[in-house]
Amino acid sequence: MDAALTQLFAGLSLGSVLLLAALGLALTFGQMGVINMAHGEFMMAGAYTAFVVQQVVGHAGVSLLVALPAGFLVGGLMGLMLETLLISRMHRRPLDTLLVTWGVALVLQQLARDVFGAPNVDVAAPAWLAGPVEILGLSLPKSRLFILALALACVALVALVLTRTSLGRQIRAVVQNRDLAETSGISTARVDRTTFFVGSGIAGVAGVALTLLGSVGPTLGQNYIVDAFLVVVVGGIGQIKGAVVAAFGLGILQAVLQMSTTASLAKVLLLLVVVAFLQWRPQGLVTVRTRSLA
């Protein structure tokens, strides 16, 4: 029983990381149809932001609290720059955005190597996240619980923005029918920029959270970008509810598979399960509601 609960928590922990990585991607991919391969590098930028903040502030506990909004700002500004300079010129050309953002990702990786050097760097975890906490007789790492709470908080804030604010209503209008939203007086270009800023900022927050799990390197984001796209596709493009269910579902499934196989084989089996699921339900868990006549 304890082994099952431990594995369940491992799945929830992995799911929370996937959710943080995929949440911003679900926003931008769902609204704009942009295949942003540089999303992982925004996560990497957030992680390096946490490193720089800790070098400046010094105190690990304070630096983490400063790094979270700083990572959001850095990731958001990088996303805003990418959208303004490149993505805005490639609307409705998803394959072009894939190639361009892949090139941007490579440039950002090399820039990180030039600035921070090839060896990975470490960010010290604050003392209040050190060690485990006892829950239901299980010793659970505080850092993993913090990431889980952070992921749920980000989901709650995004849901609040989408359902309770004017910006959220505009985003939903653009997702349902971009042309109709434009003719109704909504500046779709401004909404795109804002959405890309928020989605990329969440990637920066994810990068800060990942510093609690290991070292930071130029290829940090590449370890999560494929899984993030799997979460978005399985959950349903642009569907936050679907992304939440898919992230935790895939995380738990991978944890269960790892109980009887190796980590590499579990990844392969997980991919096969996803492919089989998409053959049965290609639109994902949650169907996209649209007013388009096309």
C-alpha atoms as a PDB file:
ATOM      1  CA  MET A   1       0.000   0.000   0.000  1.00  0.00           C
ATOM      2  CA  ASP A   2       2.792   2.388   0.929  1.00  0.00           C
ATOM      3  CA  ALA A   3       4.589   1.581  -2.338  1.00  0.00           C
ATOM      4  CA  ALA A   4       1.437   2.355  -4.321  1.00  0.00           C
ATOM      5  CA  LEU A   5       0.948   5.687  -2.520  1.00  0.00           C
ATOM      6  CA  THR A   6       4.591   6.565  -3.038  1.00  0.00           C
ATOM      7  CA  GLN A   7       4.310   5.839  -6.755  1.00  0.00           C
ATOM      8  CA  LEU A   8       1.074   7.835  -6.927  1.00  0.00           C
ATOM      9  CA  PHE A   9       2.813  10.839  -5.417  1.00  0.00           C
ATOM     10  CA  ALA A  10       5.700  10.361  -7.856  1.00  0.00           C
ATOM     11  CA  GLY A  11       3.164  10.504 -10.685  1.00  0.00           C
ATOM     12  CA  LEU A  12       1.504  13.623  -9.279  1.00  0.00           C
ATOM     13  CA  SER A  13       4.917  15.218  -8.841  1.00  0.00           C
ATOM     14  CA  LEU A  14       5.884  14.466 -12.435  1.00  0.00           C
ATOM     15  CA  GLY A  15       2.457  15.651 -13.582  1.00  0.00           C
ATOM     16  CA  SER A  16       2.904  18.992 -11.804  1.00  0.00           C
ATOM     17  CA  VAL A  17       6.196  19.559 -13.641  1.00  0.00           C
ATOM     18  CA  LEU A  18       4.555  18.663 -16.967  1.00  0.00           C
ATOM     19  CA  LEU A  19       1.654  20.967 -16.173  1.00  0.00           C
ATOM     20  CA  LEU A  20       3.931  23.928 -15.480  1.00  0.00           C
ATOM     21  CA  ALA A  21       5.816  23.222 -18.701  1.00  0.00           C
ATOM     22  CA  ALA A  22       2.649  22.856 -20.787  1.00  0.00           C
ATOM     23  CA  LEU A  23       0.323  25.476 -19.298  1.00  0.00           C
ATOM     24  CA  GLY A  24       1.791  28.459 -21.138  1.00  0.00           C
ATOM     25  CA  LEU A  25       2.122  26.389 -24.303  1.00  0.00           C
ATOM     26  CA  ALA A  26      -1.564  25.490 -24.125  1.00  0.00           C
ATOM     27  CA  LEU A  27      -2.432  29.197 -24.124  1.00  0.00           C
ATOM     28  CA  THR A  28      -0.301  30.202 -27.104  1.00  0.00           C
ATOM     29  CA  PHE A  29      -0.780  27.033 -29.154  1.00  0.00           C
ATOM     30  CA  GLY A  30      -4.521  27.019 -28.553  1.00  0.00           C
ATOM     31  CA  GLN A  31      -5.090  30.653 -29.447  1.00  0.00           C
ATOM     32  CA  MET A  32      -2.567  31.284 -32.198  1.00  0.00           C
ATOM     33  CA  GLY A  33      -1.769  27.818 -33.573  1.00  0.00           C
ATOM     34  CA  VAL A  34       1.921  28.610 -33.087  1.00  0.00           C
ATOM     35  CA  ILE A  35       4.234  25.608 -32.717  1.00  0.00           C
ATOM     36  CA  ASN A  36       6.734  27.327 -30.421  1.00  0.00           C
ATOM     37  CA  MET A  37       9.803  25.119 -30.167  1.00  0.00           C
ATOM     38  CA  ALA A  38      11.546  27.884 -28.178  1.00  0.00           C
ATOM     39  CA  HIS A  39       9.122  27.426 -25.267  1.00  0.00           C
ATOM     40  CA  GLY A  40      11.645  25.181 -23.532  1.00  0.00           C
ATOM     41  CA  GLU A  41      14.296  27.893 -23.826  1.00  0.00           C
ATOM     42  CA  PHE A  42      11.984  30.315 -22.015  1.00  0.00           C
ATOM     43  CA  MET A  43      11.961  27.748 -19.205  1.00  0.00           C
ATOM     44  CA  MET A  44      15.755  27.662 -19.374  1.00  0.00           C
ATOM     45  CA  ALA A  45      15.843  31.456 -19.170  1.00  0.00           C
ATOM     46  CA  GLY A  46      13.656  31.361 -16.045  1.00  0.00           C
ATOM     47  CA  ALA A  47      16.020  28.825 -14.469  1.00  0.00           C
ATOM     48  CA  TYR A  48      19.066  30.983 -15.198  1.00  0.00           C
ATOM     49  CA  THR A  49      17.150  33.965 -13.820  1.00  0.00           C
ATOM     50  CA  ALA A  50      16.834  32.085 -10.528  1.00  0.00           C
ATOM     51  CA  PHE A  51      20.603  31.493 -10.596  1.00  0.00           C
ATOM     52  CA  VAL A  52      21.385  35.163 -11.229  1.00  0.00           C
ATOM     53  CA  VAL A  53      18.923  36.332  -8.561  1.00  0.00           C
ATOM     54  CA  GLN A  54      20.516  34.019  -6.012  1.00  0.00           C
ATOM     55  CA  GLN A  55      23.970  35.371  -6.852  1.00  0.00           C
ATOM     56  CA  VAL A  56      22.689  38.903  -6.256  1.00  0.00           C
ATOM     57  CA  VAL A  57      20.429  38.336  -3.251  1.00  0.00           C
ATOM     58  CA  GLY A  58      22.451  35.603  -1.592  1.00  0.00           C
ATOM     59  CA  HIS A  59      19.795  34.263   0.761  1.00  0.00           C
ATOM     60  CA  ALA A  60      18.270  31.146  -0.822  1.00  0.00           C
ATOM     61  CA  GLY A  61      14.851  31.566   0.788  1.00  0.00           C
ATOM     62  CA  VAL A  62      14.447  35.173  -0.284  1.00  0.00           C
ATOM     63  CA  SER A  63      15.972  34.624  -3.721  1.00  0.00           C
ATOM     64  CA  LEU A  64      13.360  31.989  -4.636  1.00  0.00           C
ATOM     65  CA  LEU A  65      10.512  34.352  -3.799  1.00  0.00           C
ATOM     66  CA  VAL A  66      12.182  37.080  -5.875  1.00  0.00           C
ATOM     67  CA  ALA A  67      13.051  34.703  -8.713  1.00  0.00           C
ATOM     68  CA  LEU A  68       9.456  33.582  -9.324  1.00  0.00           C
ATOM     69  CA  PRO A  69       8.149  37.004 -10.479  1.00  0.00           C
ATOM     70  CA  ALA A  70      11.525  37.794 -12.074  1.00  0.00           C
ATOM     71  CA  GLY A  71      11.399  34.533 -14.048  1.00  0.00           C
ATOM     72  CA  PHE A  72       7.860  35.350 -15.176  1.00  0.00           C
ATOM     73  CA  LEU A  73       8.987  38.780 -16.355  1.00  0.00           C
ATOM     74  CA  VAL A  74      12.086  37.501 -18.173  1.00  0.00           C
ATOM     75  CA  GLY A  75      10.219  34.673 -19.896  1.00  0.00           C
ATOM     76  CA  GLY A  76       7.316  36.968 -20.757  1.00  0.00           C
ATOM     77  CA  LEU A  77       9.537  39.647 -22.284  1.00  0.00           C
ATOM     78  CA  MET A  78      11.403  37.067 -24.350  1.00  0.00           C
ATOM     79  CA  GLY A  79       8.095  35.687 -25.607  1.00  0.00           C
ATOM     80  CA  LEU A  80       6.810  39.177 -26.358  1.00  0.00           C
ATOM     81  CA  MET A  81       9.953  39.947 -28.353  1.00  0.00           C
ATOM     82  CA  LEU A  82       9.637  36.686 -30.296  1.00  0.00           C
ATOM     83  CA  GLU A  83       5.968  37.312 -31.090  1.00  0.00           C
ATOM     84  CA  THR A  84       6.531  40.918 -32.133  1.00  0.00           C
ATOM     85  CA  LEU A  85       9.580  40.336 -34.313  1.00  0.00           C
ATOM     86  CA  LEU A  86       8.800  36.959 -35.894  1.00  0.00           C
ATOM     87  CA  ILE A  87       5.553  35.197 -34.970  1.00  0.00           C
ATOM     88  CA  SER A  88       3.316  38.156 -35.882  1.00  0.00           C
ATOM     89  CA  ARG A  89       4.582  37.877 -39.472  1.00  0.00           C
ATOM     90  CA  MET A  90       3.646  34.207 -39.745  1.00  0.00           C
ATOM     91  CA  HIS A  91      -0.011  33.973 -38.816  1.00  0.00           C
ATOM     92  CA  ARG A  92      -1.683  30.804 -40.085  1.00  0.00           C
ATOM     93  CA  ARG A  93       1.684  29.344 -41.137  1.00  0.00           C
ATOM     94  CA  PRO A  94       2.325  26.811 -38.327  1.00  0.00           C
ATOM     95  CA  LEU A  95       5.100  24.930 -40.123  1.00  0.00           C
ATOM     96  CA  ASP A  96       7.007  28.169 -40.623  1.00  0.00           C
ATOM     97  CA  THR A  97       6.677  28.992 -36.938  1.00  0.00           C
ATOM     98  CA  LEU A  98       8.009  25.528 -36.066  1.00  0.00           C
ATOM     99  CA  LEU A  99      11.167  26.044 -38.142  1.00  0.00           C
ATOM    100  CA  VAL A 100      11.740  29.620 -37.029  1.00  0.00           C
ATOM    101  CA  THR A 101      11.241  28.954 -33.319  1.00  0.00           C
ATOM    102  CA  TRP A 102      13.478  25.874 -33.544  1.00  0.00           C
ATOM    103  CA  GLY A 103      16.199  28.159 -34.901  1.00  0.00           C
ATOM    104  CA  VAL A 104      15.544  30.655 -32.116  1.00  0.00           C
ATOM    105  CA  ALA A 105      15.823  27.820 -29.584  1.00  0.00           C
ATOM    106  CA  LEU A 106      19.268  26.876 -30.906  1.00  0.00           C
ATOM    107  CA  VAL A 107      20.393  30.505 -30.778  1.00  0.00           C
ATOM    108  CA  LEU A 108      19.197  30.869 -27.178  1.00  0.00           C
ATOM    109  CA  GLN A 109      20.977  27.663 -26.159  1.00  0.00           C
ATOM    110  CA  GLN A 110      24.246  28.924 -27.624  1.00  0.00           C
ATOM    111  CA  LEU A 111      23.728  32.317 -25.988  1.00  0.00           C
ATOM    112  CA  ALA A 112      23.320  30.587 -22.621  1.00  0.00           C
ATOM    113  CA  ARG A 113      26.595  28.701 -23.204  1.00  0.00           C
ATOM    114  CA  ASP A 114      28.381  31.942 -24.081  1.00  0.00           C
ATOM    115  CA  VAL A 115      27.069  33.800 -21.031  1.00  0.00           C
ATOM    116  CA  PHE A 116      27.062  31.108 -18.336  1.00  0.00           C
ATOM    117  CA  GLY A 117      29.537  28.591 -19.723  1.00  0.00           C
ATOM    118  CA  ALA A 118      29.077  24.973 -20.772  1.00  0.00           C
ATOM    119  CA  PRO A 119      29.038  23.313 -17.299  1.00  0.00           C
ATOM    120  CA  ASN A 120      25.695  23.294 -15.551  1.00  0.00           C
ATOM    121  CA  VAL A 121      25.125  25.595 -12.586  1.00  0.00           C
ATOM    122  CA  ASP A 122      23.310  24.836  -9.346  1.00  0.00           C
ATOM    123  CA  VAL A 123      20.724  26.888  -7.489  1.00  0.00           C
ATOM    124  CA  ALA A 124      20.551  26.218  -3.770  1.00  0.00           C
ATOM    125  CA  ALA A 125      17.127  25.314  -2.428  1.00  0.00           C
ATOM    126  CA  PRO A 126      15.892  27.362   0.543  1.00  0.00           C
ATOM    127  CA  ALA A 127      16.104  25.815   3.987  1.00  0.00           C
ATOM    128  CA  TRP A 128      12.320  25.779   4.356  1.00  0.00           C
ATOM    129  CA  LEU A 129      12.096  23.395   1.382  1.00  0.00           C
ATOM    130  CA  ALA A 130      14.838  21.049   2.597  1.00  0.00           C
ATOM    131  CA  GLY A 131      14.006  17.525   3.683  1.00  0.00           C
ATOM    132  CA  PRO A 132      10.744  15.589   3.648  1.00  0.00           C
ATOM    133  CA  VAL A 133       7.400  16.068   5.354  1.00  0.00           C
ATOM    134  CA  GLU A 134       5.333  13.229   6.790  1.00  0.00           C
ATOM    135  CA  ILE A 135       1.874  12.811   5.188  1.00  0.00           C
ATOM    136  CA  LEU A 136      -0.210   9.647   5.708  1.00  0.00           C
ATOM    137  CA  GLY A 137       2.905   7.901   6.940  1.00  0.00           C
ATOM    138  CA  LEU A 138       4.877   8.777   3.799  1.00  0.00           C
ATOM    139  CA  SER A 139       7.998  10.938   3.602  1.00  0.00           C
ATOM    140  CA  LEU A 140       7.334  13.391   0.780  1.00  0.00           C
ATOM    141  CA  PRO A 141       9.962  15.920  -0.404  1.00  0.00           C
ATOM    142  CA  LYS A 142       8.959  19.484   0.434  1.00  0.00           C
ATOM    143  CA  SER A 143      10.373  20.735  -2.880  1.00  0.00           C
ATOM    144  CA  ARG A 144       8.062  18.420  -4.852  1.00  0.00           C
ATOM    145  CA  LEU A 145       5.061  19.514  -2.793  1.00  0.00           C
ATOM    146  CA  PHE A 146       5.991  23.146  -3.436  1.00  0.00           C
ATOM    147  CA  ILE A 147       6.097  22.549  -7.210  1.00  0.00           C
ATOM    148  CA  LEU A 148       2.715  20.811  -7.040  1.00  0.00           C
ATOM    149  CA  ALA A 149       1.222  23.755  -5.137  1.00  0.00           C
ATOM    150  CA  LEU A 150       2.840  26.215  -7.567  1.00  0.00           C
ATOM    151  CA  ALA A 151       1.388  24.390 -10.580  1.00  0.00           C
ATOM    152  CA  LEU A 152      -2.117  24.387  -9.095  1.00  0.00           C
ATOM    153  CA  ALA A 153      -1.780  28.091  -8.207  1.00  0.00           C
ATOM    154  CA  CYS A 154      -0.779  28.925 -11.791  1.00  0.00           C
ATOM    155  CA  VAL A 155      -3.755  26.974 -13.141  1.00  0.00           C
ATOM    156  CA  ALA A 156      -6.101  28.780 -10.755  1.00  0.00           C
ATOM    157  CA  LEU A 157      -4.739  32.200 -11.780  1.00  0.00           C
ATOM    158  CA  VAL A 158      -4.990  31.402 -15.501  1.00  0.00           C
ATOM    159  CA  ALA A 159      -8.552  30.111 -15.062  1.00  0.00           C
ATOM    160  CA  LEU A 160      -9.441  33.255 -13.122  1.00  0.00           C
ATOM    161  CA  VAL A 161      -8.055  35.471 -15.875  1.00  0.00           C
ATOM    162  CA  LEU A 162      -9.853  33.547 -18.626  1.00  0.00           C
ATOM    163  CA  THR A 163     -13.243  33.514 -16.891  1.00  0.00           C
ATOM    164  CA  ARG A 164     -13.363  36.709 -14.841  1.00  0.00           C
ATOM    165  CA  THR A 165     -11.524  39.412 -16.773  1.00  0.00           C
ATOM    166  CA  SER A 166     -12.003  41.406 -19.950  1.00  0.00           C
ATOM    167  CA  LEU A 167      -8.723  40.042 -21.285  1.00  0.00           C
ATOM    168  CA  GLY A 168      -9.982  36.493 -20.734  1.00  0.00           C
ATOM    169  CA  ARG A 169     -13.165  37.178 -22.653  1.00  0.00           C
ATOM    170  CA  GLN A 170     -11.150  38.615 -25.529  1.00  0.00           C
ATOM    171  CA  ILE A 171      -8.823  35.598 -25.543  1.00  0.00           C
ATOM    172  CA  ARG A 172     -11.789  33.217 -25.672  1.00  0.00           C
ATOM    173  CA  ALA A 173     -13.350  35.252 -28.484  1.00  0.00           C
ATOM    174  CA  VAL A 174     -10.152  35.087 -30.540  1.00  0.00           C
ATOM    175  CA  VAL A 175      -9.859  31.327 -29.962  1.00  0.00           C
ATOM    176  CA  GLN A 176     -13.441  30.722 -31.094  1.00  0.00           C
ATOM    177  CA  ASN A 177     -13.325  32.915 -34.200  1.00  0.00           C
ATOM    178  CA  ARG A 178     -10.409  35.260 -34.884  1.00  0.00           C
ATOM    179  CA  ASP A 179     -11.993  37.005 -37.882  1.00  0.00           C
ATOM    180  CA  LEU A 180     -15.265  37.666 -36.067  1.00  0.00           C
ATOM    181  CA  ALA A 181     -13.392  38.954 -33.023  1.00  0.00           C
ATOM    182  CA  GLU A 182     -11.442  41.352 -35.249  1.00  0.00           C
ATOM    183  CA  THR A 183     -14.603  42.699 -36.889  1.00  0.00           C
ATOM    184  CA  SER A 184     -16.166  43.115 -33.436  1.00  0.00           C
ATOM    185  CA  GLY A 185     -13.502  45.642 -32.472  1.00  0.00           C
ATOM    186  CA  ILE A 186     -11.069  43.391 -30.621  1.00  0.00           C
ATOM    187  CA  SER A 187      -7.417  44.046 -31.435  1.00  0.00           C
ATOM    188  CA  THR A 188      -6.338  40.470 -32.090  1.00  0.00           C
ATOM    189  CA  ALA A 189      -2.720  41.576 -32.481  1.00  0.00           C
ATOM    190  CA  ARG A 190      -2.739  43.068 -28.961  1.00  0.00           C
ATOM    191  CA  VAL A 191      -4.452  39.980 -27.557  1.00  0.00           C
ATOM    192  CA  ASP A 192      -1.849  37.760 -29.251  1.00  0.00           C
ATOM    193  CA  ARG A 193       1.005  39.756 -27.744  1.00  0.00           C
ATOM    194  CA  THR A 194      -0.549  39.674 -24.284  1.00  0.00           C
ATOM    195  CA  THR A 195      -1.250  35.953 -24.483  1.00  0.00           C
ATOM    196  CA  PHE A 196       2.281  35.207 -25.652  1.00  0.00           C
ATOM    197  CA  PHE A 197       3.666  37.315 -22.806  1.00  0.00           C
ATOM    198  CA  VAL A 198       1.602  35.444 -20.214  1.00  0.00           C
ATOM    199  CA  GLY A 199       2.259  31.991 -21.707  1.00  0.00           C
ATOM    200  CA  SER A 200       5.997  32.613 -21.963  1.00  0.00           C
ATOM    201  CA  GLY A 201       6.036  34.090 -18.461  1.00  0.00           C
ATOM    202  CA  ILE A 202       4.537  30.869 -17.076  1.00  0.00           C
ATOM    203  CA  ALA A 203       7.366  29.006 -18.828  1.00  0.00           C
ATOM    204  CA  GLY A 204       9.799  31.236 -16.941  1.00  0.00           C
ATOM    205  CA  VAL A 205       8.092  30.328 -13.662  1.00  0.00           C
ATOM    206  CA  ALA A 206       8.383  26.650 -14.610  1.00  0.00           C
ATOM    207  CA  GLY A 207      12.100  27.135 -15.130  1.00  0.00           C
ATOM    208  CA  VAL A 208      12.484  28.618 -11.659  1.00  0.00           C
ATOM    209  CA  ALA A 209      10.642  25.630 -10.203  1.00  0.00           C
ATOM    210  CA  LEU A 210      12.898  23.187 -12.060  1.00  0.00           C
ATOM    211  CA  THR A 211      15.947  24.554 -10.240  1.00  0.00           C
ATOM    212  CA  LEU A 212      14.590  22.772  -7.157  1.00  0.00           C
ATOM    213  CA  LEU A 213      14.965  19.418  -8.919  1.00  0.00           C
ATOM    214  CA  GLY A 214      18.442  19.625 -10.419  1.00  0.00           C
ATOM    215  CA  SER A 215      21.145  21.684 -12.043  1.00  0.00           C
ATOM    216  CA  VAL A 216      20.590  24.279 -14.751  1.00  0.00           C
ATOM    217  CA  GLY A 217      22.079  23.943 -18.220  1.00  0.00           C
ATOM    218  CA  PRO A 218      21.571  25.306 -21.744  1.00  0.00           C
ATOM    219  CA  THR A 219      19.528  22.250 -22.807  1.00  0.00           C
ATOM    220  CA  LEU A 220      17.233  22.235 -19.774  1.00  0.00           C
ATOM    221  CA  GLY A 221      14.130  23.096 -21.777  1.00  0.00           C
ATOM    222  CA  GLN A 222      14.724  20.422 -24.400  1.00  0.00           C
ATOM    223  CA  ASN A 223      14.126  17.773 -21.735  1.00  0.00           C
ATOM    224  CA  TYR A 224      10.507  18.926 -21.348  1.00  0.00           C
ATOM    225  CA  ILE A 225       9.343  20.440 -24.646  1.00  0.00           C
ATOM    226  CA  VAL A 226       8.204  17.148 -26.237  1.00  0.00           C
ATOM    227  CA  ASP A 227       6.316  16.094 -23.106  1.00  0.00           C
ATOM    228  CA  ALA A 228       4.736  19.543 -22.930  1.00  0.00           C
ATOM    229  CA  PHE A 229       3.406  19.205 -26.482  1.00  0.00           C
ATOM    230  CA  LEU A 230       2.079  15.733 -25.644  1.00  0.00           C
ATOM    231  CA  VAL A 231       0.136  17.216 -22.725  1.00  0.00           C
ATOM    232  CA  VAL A 232      -1.324  19.953 -24.927  1.00  0.00           C
ATOM    233  CA  VAL A 233      -2.347  17.564 -27.718  1.00  0.00           C
ATOM    234  CA  VAL A 234      -3.781  14.892 -25.413  1.00  0.00           C
ATOM    235  CA  GLY A 235      -5.646  17.437 -23.320  1.00  0.00           C
ATOM    236  CA  GLY A 236      -7.168  19.193 -26.321  1.00  0.00           C
ATOM    237  CA  ILE A 237      -5.616  22.163 -28.064  1.00  0.00           C
ATOM    238  CA  GLY A 238      -6.173  25.356 -26.089  1.00  0.00           C
ATOM    239  CA  GLN A 239      -8.097  23.617 -23.291  1.00  0.00           C
ATOM    240  CA  ILE A 240      -6.690  24.382 -19.834  1.00  0.00           C
ATOM    241  CA  LYS A 241      -8.932  21.797 -18.159  1.00  0.00           C
ATOM    242  CA  GLY A 242      -7.744  19.161 -20.595  1.00  0.00           C
ATOM    243  CA  ALA A 243      -4.095  20.127 -20.029  1.00  0.00           C
ATOM    244  CA  VAL A 244      -4.506  19.645 -16.264  1.00  0.00           C
ATOM    245  CA  VAL A 245      -6.074  16.198 -16.664  1.00  0.00           C
ATOM    246  CA  ALA A 246      -3.553  15.148 -19.323  1.00  0.00           C
ATOM    247  CA  ALA A 247      -0.521  16.326 -17.323  1.00  0.00           C
ATOM    248  CA  PHE A 248      -1.446  14.434 -14.168  1.00  0.00           C
ATOM    249  CA  GLY A 249      -2.740  11.452 -16.143  1.00  0.00           C
ATOM    250  CA  LEU A 250       0.470  11.094 -18.155  1.00  0.00           C
ATOM    251  CA  GLY A 251       2.571  11.687 -15.057  1.00  0.00           C
ATOM    252  CA  ILE A 252       0.816   8.949 -13.088  1.00  0.00           C
ATOM    253  CA  LEU A 253       0.883   6.566 -16.063  1.00  0.00           C
ATOM    254  CA  GLN A 254       4.612   7.054 -16.539  1.00  0.00           C
ATOM    255  CA  ALA A 255       5.226   6.515 -12.811  1.00  0.00           C
ATOM    256  CA  VAL A 256       3.201   3.289 -12.910  1.00  0.00           C
ATOM    257  CA  LEU A 257       5.074   2.043 -15.986  1.00  0.00           C
ATOM    258  CA  GLN A 258       8.396   2.745 -14.292  1.00  0.00           C
ATOM    259  CA  MET A 259       7.468   0.379 -11.452  1.00  0.00           C
ATOM    260  CA  SER A 260       7.999  -2.645 -13.721  1.00  0.00           C
ATOM    261  CA  THR A 261      10.277  -1.243 -16.448  1.00  0.00           C
ATOM    262  CA  THR A 262      13.167   1.164 -16.900  1.00  0.00           C
ATOM    263  CA  ALA A 263      12.675   4.916 -17.292  1.00  0.00           C
ATOM    264  CA  SER A 264      13.563   4.769 -21.001  1.00  0.00           C
ATOM    265  CA  LEU A 265      11.162   1.926 -21.743  1.00  0.00           C
ATOM    266  CA  ALA A 266       8.436   3.669 -19.744  1.00  0.00           C
ATOM    267  CA  LYS A 267       8.852   6.716 -22.009  1.00  0.00           C
ATOM    268  CA  VAL A 268       8.472   4.553 -25.109  1.00  0.00           C
ATOM    269  CA  LEU A 269       5.382   2.804 -23.747  1.00  0.00           C
ATOM    270  CA  LEU A 270       3.888   6.148 -22.749  1.00  0.00           C
ATOM    271  CA  LEU A 271       4.366   7.457 -26.278  1.00  0.00           C
ATOM    272  CA  LEU A 272       2.685   4.361 -27.710  1.00  0.00           C
ATOM    273  CA  VAL A 273      -0.272   4.878 -25.365  1.00  0.00           C
ATOM    274  CA  VAL A 274      -0.557   8.513 -26.484  1.00  0.00           C
ATOM    275  CA  VAL A 275      -0.454   7.538 -30.163  1.00  0.00           C
ATOM    276  CA  ALA A 276      -3.153   4.907 -29.605  1.00  0.00           C
ATOM    277  CA  PHE A 277      -5.295   7.401 -27.683  1.00  0.00           C
ATOM    278  CA  LEU A 278      -5.030  10.005 -30.443  1.00  0.00           C
ATOM    279  CA  GLN A 279      -6.062   7.409 -33.007  1.00  0.00           C
ATOM    280  CA  TRP A 280      -9.241   6.901 -30.994  1.00  0.00           C
ATOM    281  CA  ARG A 281      -9.818  10.550 -30.028  1.00  0.00           C
ATOM    282  CA  PRO A 282      -7.736  12.867 -32.261  1.00  0.00           C
ATOM    283  CA  GLN A 283      -9.317  16.040 -30.845  1.00  0.00           C
ATOM    284  CA  GLY A 284      -7.986  15.252 -27.358  1.00  0.00           C
ATOM    285  CA  LEU A 285      -9.746  14.868 -24.042  1.00  0.00           C
ATOM    286  CA  VAL A 286     -11.634  18.156 -24.276  1.00  0.00           C
ATOM    287  CA  THR A 287     -13.167  19.210 -27.573  1.00  0.00           C
ATOM    288  CA  VAL A 288     -12.457  22.716 -28.795  1.00  0.00           C
ATOM    289  CA  ARG A 289     -15.656  24.698 -29.076  1.00  0.00           C
ATOM    290  CA  THR A 290     -15.628  27.067 -32.019  1.00  0.00           C
ATOM    291  CA  ARG A 291     -17.967  29.388 -33.899  1.00  0.00           C
ATOM    292  CA  SER A 292     -15.984  29.085 -37.104  1.00  0.00           C
ATOM    293  CA  LEU A 293     -17.975  28.184 -40.235  1.00  0.00           C
ATOM    294  CA  ALA A 294     -14.933  26.691 -41.930  1.00  0.00           C
END
